[in-house]
């Protein structure tokens, strides 16, 4: 299980947090926290939920009242969290403590070969009676949908009914890494808070504060496509070696040094499909950025940049963007009925075919 620390807001999200409470008189009942994974949406939602439930302060949780103490202990009766079984097992954060209350029955979970990666309709149905009662302790209830893009179609339609006729004194917080996967009708019923890449100097300052004395913070941030929490995970060993492995395989495929079917089989033994496709997206995005940039400014900046420049010369933008779209589409289907190995094979074969 990956541990994700909560606590203080990330500095580039502070303004959005303050703006939420400055418009308190016009607050909506549902908010969509949208942006790439690794930009601080989960920490933001945690602090927002804690503050909304706080019995003392209106704009920042006091940390001392009964509500704040129960929140931190994982037993606040007015916080309701829906997320997939897989996320609950994979990521150890505050929401993972609350999520088991609404997971599917153990008998259903035991029948599956691997944890479910979707938020199912039964989870939404189970939470509805709880959010239609009066708050037990605080002045409101908070319902968090963590990785709301994991809602399957039936669950999304069931949730839509609650958003159309929201219970009084309730706030829905939909944390979403890929808003395009949400039903348009769901998106339209939420006030949207967008999380964007911070300025590089701000991200580097924060990264250095988390990793004092680290000599290569800028390289880490670049490897993480400018996403600070992803850079921190790389520094702490959370996927750096896997990213390098995927990059090497992609480069070998481009030079026809490895068979795509064999490569897919070996990669899927080590990682989940989503965890393989994410560094693939980062690699293709970097090739595209290199094609837009002067070669002299990028040569030897990173280990593989010279190779990526050559690959960029062999492919045009249309080919690169088309492949990037294919990877994104496969990633959206991951965790469903799709066979992960066959899906990865298809992507790797498509990549190698560009160099025929």
Protein backbone atom coordinates (compact mmCIF):
# COMPACT_ATOMS: atom_id res chain seq x y z
CA UNK A 1 0.00 0.00 0.00
CA UNK A 2 1.30 3.44 -0.95
CA UNK A 3 1.24 5.92 1.90
CA UNK A 4 0.12 9.46 1.05
CA UNK A 5 0.52 12.05 3.74
CA UNK A 6 -2.20 14.61 4.34
CA UNK A 7 -1.67 17.64 6.51
CA UNK A 8 -0.98 21.14 5.26
CA UNK A 9 -2.26 22.38 1.94
CA UNK A 10 0.23 22.42 -0.89
CA UNK A 11 1.29 26.04 -1.51
CA UNK A 12 -0.06 26.29 -5.07
CA UNK A 13 -3.55 25.26 -3.84
CA UNK A 14 -3.77 27.81 -1.01
CA UNK A 15 -5.39 30.52 -3.13
CA UNK A 16 -8.16 28.21 -4.32
CA UNK A 17 -8.81 27.11 -0.72
CA UNK A 18 -9.13 30.69 0.49
CA UNK A 19 -11.36 31.58 -2.47
CA UNK A 20 -13.75 28.78 -1.52
CA UNK A 21 -14.49 30.38 1.83
CA UNK A 22 -14.47 33.94 0.53
CA UNK A 23 -17.51 32.96 -1.57
CA UNK A 24 -19.12 31.08 1.30
CA UNK A 25 -22.47 32.83 0.90
CA UNK A 26 -22.67 31.53 -2.66
CA UNK A 27 -21.39 28.03 -2.02
CA UNK A 28 -22.76 25.28 -4.22
CA UNK A 29 -23.65 21.83 -2.97
CA UNK A 30 -21.21 20.01 -5.27
CA UNK A 31 -17.62 20.68 -6.34
CA UNK A 32 -15.50 19.01 -8.99
CA UNK A 33 -11.78 19.08 -8.08
CA UNK A 34 -10.22 18.53 -11.48
CA UNK A 35 -6.63 18.08 -12.64
CA UNK A 36 -3.76 15.63 -13.10
CA UNK A 37 -2.99 13.18 -10.33
CA UNK A 38 -0.19 14.52 -8.15
CA UNK A 39 -1.27 18.16 -7.93
CA UNK A 40 -2.69 18.04 -4.41
CA UNK A 41 -6.43 17.53 -4.98
CA UNK A 42 -6.74 14.81 -2.33
CA UNK A 43 -4.98 16.87 0.36
CA UNK A 44 -7.13 19.85 -0.66
CA UNK A 45 -10.32 17.79 -0.33
CA UNK A 46 -9.20 16.41 3.03
CA UNK A 47 -8.57 19.87 4.45
CA UNK A 48 -11.75 21.24 2.90
CA UNK A 49 -13.85 18.44 4.42
CA UNK A 50 -12.21 18.88 7.81
CA UNK A 51 -12.84 22.65 7.76
CA UNK A 52 -16.46 22.32 6.65
CA UNK A 53 -17.09 19.90 9.51
CA UNK A 54 -15.16 21.90 12.14
CA UNK A 55 -17.31 23.15 15.01
CA UNK A 56 -15.18 26.22 15.81
CA UNK A 57 -13.61 27.89 12.75
CA UNK A 58 -15.20 28.82 9.44
CA UNK A 59 -12.13 29.13 7.21
CA UNK A 60 -9.54 26.76 8.67
CA UNK A 61 -10.10 23.65 10.78
CA UNK A 62 -9.12 24.33 14.39
CA UNK A 63 -7.76 20.83 14.95
CA UNK A 64 -8.95 20.85 18.57
CA UNK A 65 -12.74 20.54 18.62
CA UNK A 66 -14.55 17.22 18.89
CA UNK A 67 -15.25 17.24 15.16
CA UNK A 68 -11.59 17.72 14.21
CA UNK A 69 -10.46 15.04 16.67
CA UNK A 70 -12.99 12.54 15.30
CA UNK A 71 -12.00 13.47 11.75
CA UNK A 72 -8.34 12.69 12.43
CA UNK A 73 -9.22 9.46 14.20
CA UNK A 74 -11.11 8.24 11.14
CA UNK A 75 -14.47 8.08 12.88
CA UNK A 76 -16.34 11.28 12.03
CA UNK A 77 -20.00 10.32 11.48
CA UNK A 78 -20.66 13.10 8.96
CA UNK A 79 -17.86 12.27 6.51
CA UNK A 80 -18.79 9.73 3.84
CA UNK A 81 -16.21 8.47 1.32
CA UNK A 82 -16.79 6.47 -1.85
CA UNK A 83 -13.82 5.11 -3.77
CA UNK A 84 -12.86 1.88 -5.50
CA UNK A 85 -11.70 -1.17 -3.61
CA UNK A 86 -8.39 -1.04 -5.49
CA UNK A 87 -7.65 2.53 -4.46
CA UNK A 88 -8.57 1.74 -0.87
CA UNK A 89 -6.00 -1.06 -0.83
CA UNK A 90 -3.31 0.74 -2.83
CA UNK A 91 -3.25 4.21 -1.26
CA UNK A 92 -3.03 4.71 2.50
CA UNK A 93 -4.52 8.11 3.25
CA UNK A 94 -7.30 9.54 5.38
CA UNK A 95 -10.00 8.66 2.86
CA UNK A 96 -8.89 5.02 2.79
CA UNK A 97 -9.81 4.84 6.49
CA UNK A 98 -13.40 5.94 5.78
CA UNK A 99 -13.95 4.12 2.46
CA UNK A 100 -14.48 0.51 3.73
CA UNK A 101 -17.85 1.51 5.19
CA UNK A 102 -19.28 1.64 1.66
CA UNK A 103 -17.28 -1.03 -0.14
CA UNK A 104 -19.23 -3.91 -1.59
CA UNK A 105 -19.99 -6.88 0.62
CA UNK A 106 -17.03 -9.09 1.39
CA UNK A 107 -18.73 -12.09 -0.26
CA UNK A 108 -18.81 -10.19 -3.56
CA UNK A 109 -15.24 -9.00 -3.22
CA UNK A 110 -13.96 -12.51 -2.50
CA UNK A 111 -15.38 -13.79 -5.78
CA UNK A 112 -13.11 -11.49 -7.79
CA UNK A 113 -9.58 -12.40 -8.78
CA UNK A 114 -8.38 -8.85 -8.13
CA UNK A 115 -9.77 -5.77 -6.36
CA UNK A 116 -12.43 -3.83 -8.22
CA UNK A 117 -11.19 -0.62 -9.85
CA UNK A 118 -14.66 0.92 -10.14
CA UNK A 119 -17.10 2.67 -7.82
CA UNK A 120 -20.19 0.46 -8.10
CA UNK A 121 -23.87 1.32 -7.91
CA UNK A 122 -24.27 -0.54 -4.61
CA UNK A 123 -21.79 1.86 -3.00
CA UNK A 124 -23.84 4.86 -4.13
CA UNK A 125 -27.07 3.22 -3.01
CA UNK A 126 -25.60 2.46 0.40
CA UNK A 127 -24.58 6.06 1.06
CA UNK A 128 -27.92 7.62 0.06
CA UNK A 129 -29.82 6.79 3.29
CA UNK A 130 -26.94 8.14 5.38
CA UNK A 131 -26.84 11.48 3.59
CA UNK A 132 -30.58 11.96 3.81
CA UNK A 133 -30.58 12.02 7.59
CA UNK A 134 -29.65 15.04 9.73
CA UNK A 135 -25.93 15.53 10.47
CA UNK A 136 -24.94 13.71 13.64
CA UNK A 137 -22.35 16.16 14.95
CA UNK A 138 -21.43 18.97 12.57
CA UNK A 139 -23.60 21.51 10.81
CA UNK A 140 -23.29 19.65 7.53
CA UNK A 141 -22.29 16.38 5.89
CA UNK A 142 -19.44 15.92 3.41
CA UNK A 143 -19.57 13.22 0.74
CA UNK A 144 -16.26 12.58 -1.02
CA UNK A 145 -15.98 10.65 -4.28
CA UNK A 146 -12.30 9.92 -4.58
CA UNK A 147 -11.26 9.40 -8.21
CA UNK A 148 -14.82 10.06 -9.35
CA UNK A 149 -13.90 8.92 -12.87
CA UNK A 150 -14.00 5.38 -11.42
CA UNK A 151 -17.81 5.57 -11.21
CA UNK A 152 -19.32 3.01 -13.55
CA UNK A 153 -22.26 4.17 -15.64
CA UNK A 154 -24.93 2.82 -13.30
CA UNK A 155 -23.28 4.35 -10.25
CA UNK A 156 -22.89 7.68 -12.05
CA UNK A 157 -26.58 7.75 -12.96
CA UNK A 158 -27.53 6.86 -9.39
CA UNK A 159 -25.34 9.66 -8.02
CA UNK A 160 -26.89 12.08 -10.49
CA UNK A 161 -30.22 11.78 -8.70
CA UNK A 162 -28.65 12.96 -5.44
CA UNK A 163 -26.93 15.87 -7.18
CA UNK A 164 -30.17 16.93 -8.86
CA UNK A 165 -32.00 17.01 -5.53
CA UNK A 166 -29.20 17.42 -2.98
CA UNK A 167 -29.93 16.83 0.68
CA UNK A 168 -29.89 19.97 2.78
CA UNK A 169 -26.61 20.88 4.51
CA UNK A 170 -24.54 18.55 2.33
CA UNK A 171 -21.40 19.07 0.30
CA UNK A 172 -20.29 16.69 -2.46
CA UNK A 173 -16.57 16.78 -3.31
CA UNK A 174 -15.72 14.90 -6.52
CA UNK A 175 -11.96 14.41 -6.85
CA UNK A 176 -11.33 13.73 -10.52
CA UNK A 177 -8.05 13.10 -12.36
CA UNK A 178 -9.79 12.76 -15.73
CA UNK A 179 -12.97 14.91 -15.94
CA UNK A 180 -13.57 13.80 -19.53
CA UNK A 181 -14.61 10.39 -18.22
CA UNK A 182 -17.42 11.82 -16.10
CA UNK A 183 -20.95 12.09 -17.45
CA UNK A 184 -21.52 15.63 -18.78
CA UNK A 185 -24.64 15.80 -16.63
CA UNK A 186 -22.51 15.15 -13.53
CA UNK A 187 -19.98 17.80 -14.50
CA UNK A 188 -22.71 20.35 -15.16
CA UNK A 189 -24.06 20.00 -11.62
CA UNK A 190 -20.74 20.78 -9.96
CA UNK A 191 -18.80 23.97 -9.42
CA UNK A 192 -15.40 23.24 -10.90
CA UNK A 193 -12.08 23.95 -9.19
CA UNK A 194 -9.19 23.35 -11.59
CA UNK A 195 -5.77 22.28 -10.34
CA UNK A 196 -2.98 23.27 -12.71
CA UNK A 197 0.77 22.79 -12.77
CA UNK A 198 2.46 25.21 -10.37
CA UNK A 199 5.17 27.56 -11.54
CA UNK A 200 8.43 25.67 -11.73
CA UNK A 201 10.18 27.80 -9.09
CA UNK A 202 7.32 27.20 -6.65
CA UNK A 203 7.29 23.47 -7.32
CA UNK A 204 11.08 23.28 -6.89
CA UNK A 205 10.94 25.26 -3.65
CA UNK A 206 8.35 22.85 -2.26
CA UNK A 207 10.22 19.77 -3.51
CA UNK A 208 13.45 20.97 -1.89
CA UNK A 209 11.59 21.53 1.38
CA UNK A 210 10.41 17.92 1.27
CA UNK A 211 13.81 16.54 0.25
CA UNK A 212 16.41 18.83 1.82
CA UNK A 213 19.81 18.57 0.23
CA UNK A 214 18.65 16.65 -2.83
CA UNK A 215 20.91 17.61 -5.76
CA UNK A 216 18.62 16.77 -8.67
CA UNK A 217 15.22 18.23 -7.79
CA UNK A 218 14.91 19.94 -11.18
CA UNK A 219 15.60 16.68 -13.02
CA UNK A 220 13.05 14.85 -10.87
CA UNK A 221 10.44 17.49 -11.58
CA UNK A 222 11.17 17.30 -15.28
CA UNK A 223 10.87 13.50 -15.22
CA UNK A 224 7.49 13.92 -13.52
CA UNK A 225 6.22 16.30 -16.22
CA UNK A 226 6.22 19.18 -13.72
CA UNK A 227 3.89 17.41 -11.28
CA UNK A 228 5.35 17.88 -7.77
CA UNK A 229 3.84 14.90 -5.91
CA UNK A 230 4.81 12.61 -8.76
CA UNK A 231 8.37 13.94 -8.51
CA UNK A 232 8.35 13.26 -4.77
CA UNK A 233 7.20 9.69 -5.42
CA UNK A 234 10.03 9.20 -7.90
CA UNK A 235 12.55 10.46 -5.36
CA UNK A 236 11.21 8.09 -2.73
CA UNK A 237 11.33 5.11 -5.04
CA UNK A 238 7.65 5.14 -5.88
CA UNK A 239 7.82 4.21 -9.54
CA UNK A 240 11.18 5.56 -10.67
CA UNK A 241 12.58 2.15 -11.56
CA UNK A 242 9.30 1.15 -13.23
CA UNK A 243 9.36 4.35 -15.29
CA UNK A 244 12.91 3.62 -16.44
CA UNK A 245 11.97 0.08 -17.36
CA UNK A 246 9.00 1.22 -19.45
CA UNK A 247 11.11 3.91 -21.14
CA UNK A 248 13.81 1.40 -22.04
CA UNK A 249 11.23 -1.00 -23.48
CA UNK A 250 9.69 1.76 -25.62
CA UNK A 251 13.11 2.72 -26.96
CA UNK A 252 13.94 -0.92 -27.71
CA UNK A 253 10.64 -1.31 -29.55
CA UNK A 254 11.41 1.76 -31.67
CA UNK A 255 14.68 0.13 -32.72
CA UNK A 256 13.05 -3.31 -33.16
CA UNK A 257 15.26 -4.83 -30.50
CA UNK A 258 12.41 -6.57 -28.69
CA UNK A 259 9.13 -8.25 -29.60
CA UNK A 260 6.06 -6.27 -28.43
CA UNK A 261 4.15 -9.38 -27.32
CA UNK A 262 7.06 -10.55 -25.18
CA UNK A 263 7.60 -7.04 -23.82
CA UNK A 264 3.92 -6.71 -22.85
CA UNK A 265 3.99 -10.05 -21.05
CA UNK A 266 7.07 -9.08 -19.03
CA UNK A 267 5.81 -5.60 -18.13
CA UNK A 268 2.37 -6.75 -17.00
CA UNK A 269 3.99 -9.21 -14.58
CA UNK A 270 5.62 -6.30 -12.75
CA UNK A 271 2.97 -3.54 -12.84
CA UNK A 272 -0.68 -2.71 -13.37
CA UNK A 273 -1.71 -1.56 -16.85
CA UNK A 274 -2.37 2.02 -15.68
CA UNK A 275 1.06 2.19 -14.03
CA UNK A 276 2.67 1.12 -17.31
CA UNK A 277 0.72 3.49 -19.54
CA UNK A 278 1.37 6.56 -17.38
CA UNK A 279 5.16 6.62 -18.10
CA UNK A 280 4.35 5.83 -21.74
CA UNK A 281 2.25 9.01 -21.84
CA UNK A 282 5.04 10.96 -20.16
CA UNK A 283 7.58 9.66 -22.68
CA UNK A 284 5.49 10.54 -25.73
CA UNK A 285 4.69 13.96 -24.27
CA UNK A 286 8.41 14.58 -23.82
CA UNK A 287 9.13 13.58 -27.42
CA UNK A 288 6.48 16.07 -28.55
CA UNK A 289 7.98 18.82 -26.36
CA UNK A 290 11.43 18.08 -27.77
CA UNK A 291 10.12 18.42 -31.32
CA UNK A 292 8.81 21.86 -30.40
CA UNK A 293 12.11 22.92 -28.79
CA UNK A 294 15.57 23.72 -30.16
CA UNK A 295 17.70 20.58 -30.17
CA UNK A 296 20.66 22.40 -28.64
CA UNK A 297 18.69 23.28 -25.53
CA UNK A 298 17.70 19.67 -24.90
CA UNK A 299 20.70 17.66 -26.00
CA UNK A 300 22.15 15.68 -23.07
CA UNK A 301 19.85 17.40 -20.59
CA UNK A 302 18.58 13.96 -19.58
CA UNK A 303 19.86 10.46 -20.15
CA UNK A 304 17.66 9.62 -23.15
CA UNK A 305 17.21 13.05 -24.72
CA UNK A 306 19.60 12.37 -27.60
CA UNK A 307 17.67 9.21 -28.46
CA UNK A 308 14.33 10.99 -28.14
CA UNK A 309 15.48 13.71 -30.53
CA UNK A 310 16.23 11.02 -33.12
CA UNK A 311 12.85 9.36 -32.54
CA UNK A 312 11.18 12.74 -32.93
CA UNK A 313 12.85 13.14 -36.32
CA UNK A 314 11.47 9.77 -37.46
CA UNK A 315 7.86 10.55 -36.51
CA UNK A 316 5.54 13.44 -37.29
CA UNK A 317 3.22 15.22 -34.87
CA UNK A 318 0.14 13.51 -36.30
CA UNK A 319 1.60 10.07 -35.54
CA UNK A 320 2.65 11.05 -32.02
CA UNK A 321 -0.67 12.63 -31.09
CA UNK A 322 -2.62 9.71 -32.56
CA UNK A 323 -0.60 7.25 -30.48
CA UNK A 324 -1.00 9.42 -27.39
CA UNK A 325 -4.77 9.36 -27.92
CA UNK A 326 -4.70 5.57 -28.24
CA UNK A 327 -2.82 5.21 -24.96
CA UNK A 328 -5.22 7.58 -23.20
CA UNK A 329 -8.22 5.60 -24.48
CA UNK A 330 -6.72 2.31 -23.27
CA UNK A 331 -5.96 3.86 -19.89
CA UNK A 332 -9.59 4.92 -19.52
CA UNK A 333 -10.75 1.34 -20.11
CA UNK A 334 -8.24 -0.19 -17.68
CA UNK A 335 -9.77 -1.90 -14.69
CA UNK A 336 -12.88 -2.94 -16.63
CA UNK A 337 -13.53 -6.05 -18.72
CA UNK A 338 -10.50 -5.25 -20.88
CA UNK A 339 -7.77 -7.91 -20.85
CA UNK A 340 -4.75 -5.96 -19.61
CA UNK A 341 -2.12 -8.04 -21.40
CA UNK A 342 -3.90 -7.92 -24.76
CA UNK A 343 -4.53 -4.19 -24.39
CA UNK A 344 -0.85 -3.54 -23.67
CA UNK A 345 0.19 -5.77 -26.57
CA UNK A 346 -2.03 -3.75 -28.89
CA UNK A 347 -0.44 -0.48 -27.77
CA UNK A 348 3.12 -1.75 -28.04
CA UNK A 349 2.48 -3.26 -31.48
CA UNK A 350 1.04 0.06 -32.62
CA UNK A 351 4.09 1.90 -31.30
CA UNK A 352 6.55 -0.39 -33.05
CA UNK A 353 4.58 -0.26 -36.30
CA UNK A 354 5.27 3.49 -36.50
CA UNK A 355 8.91 2.66 -37.18
CA UNK A 356 8.40 0.14 -39.98
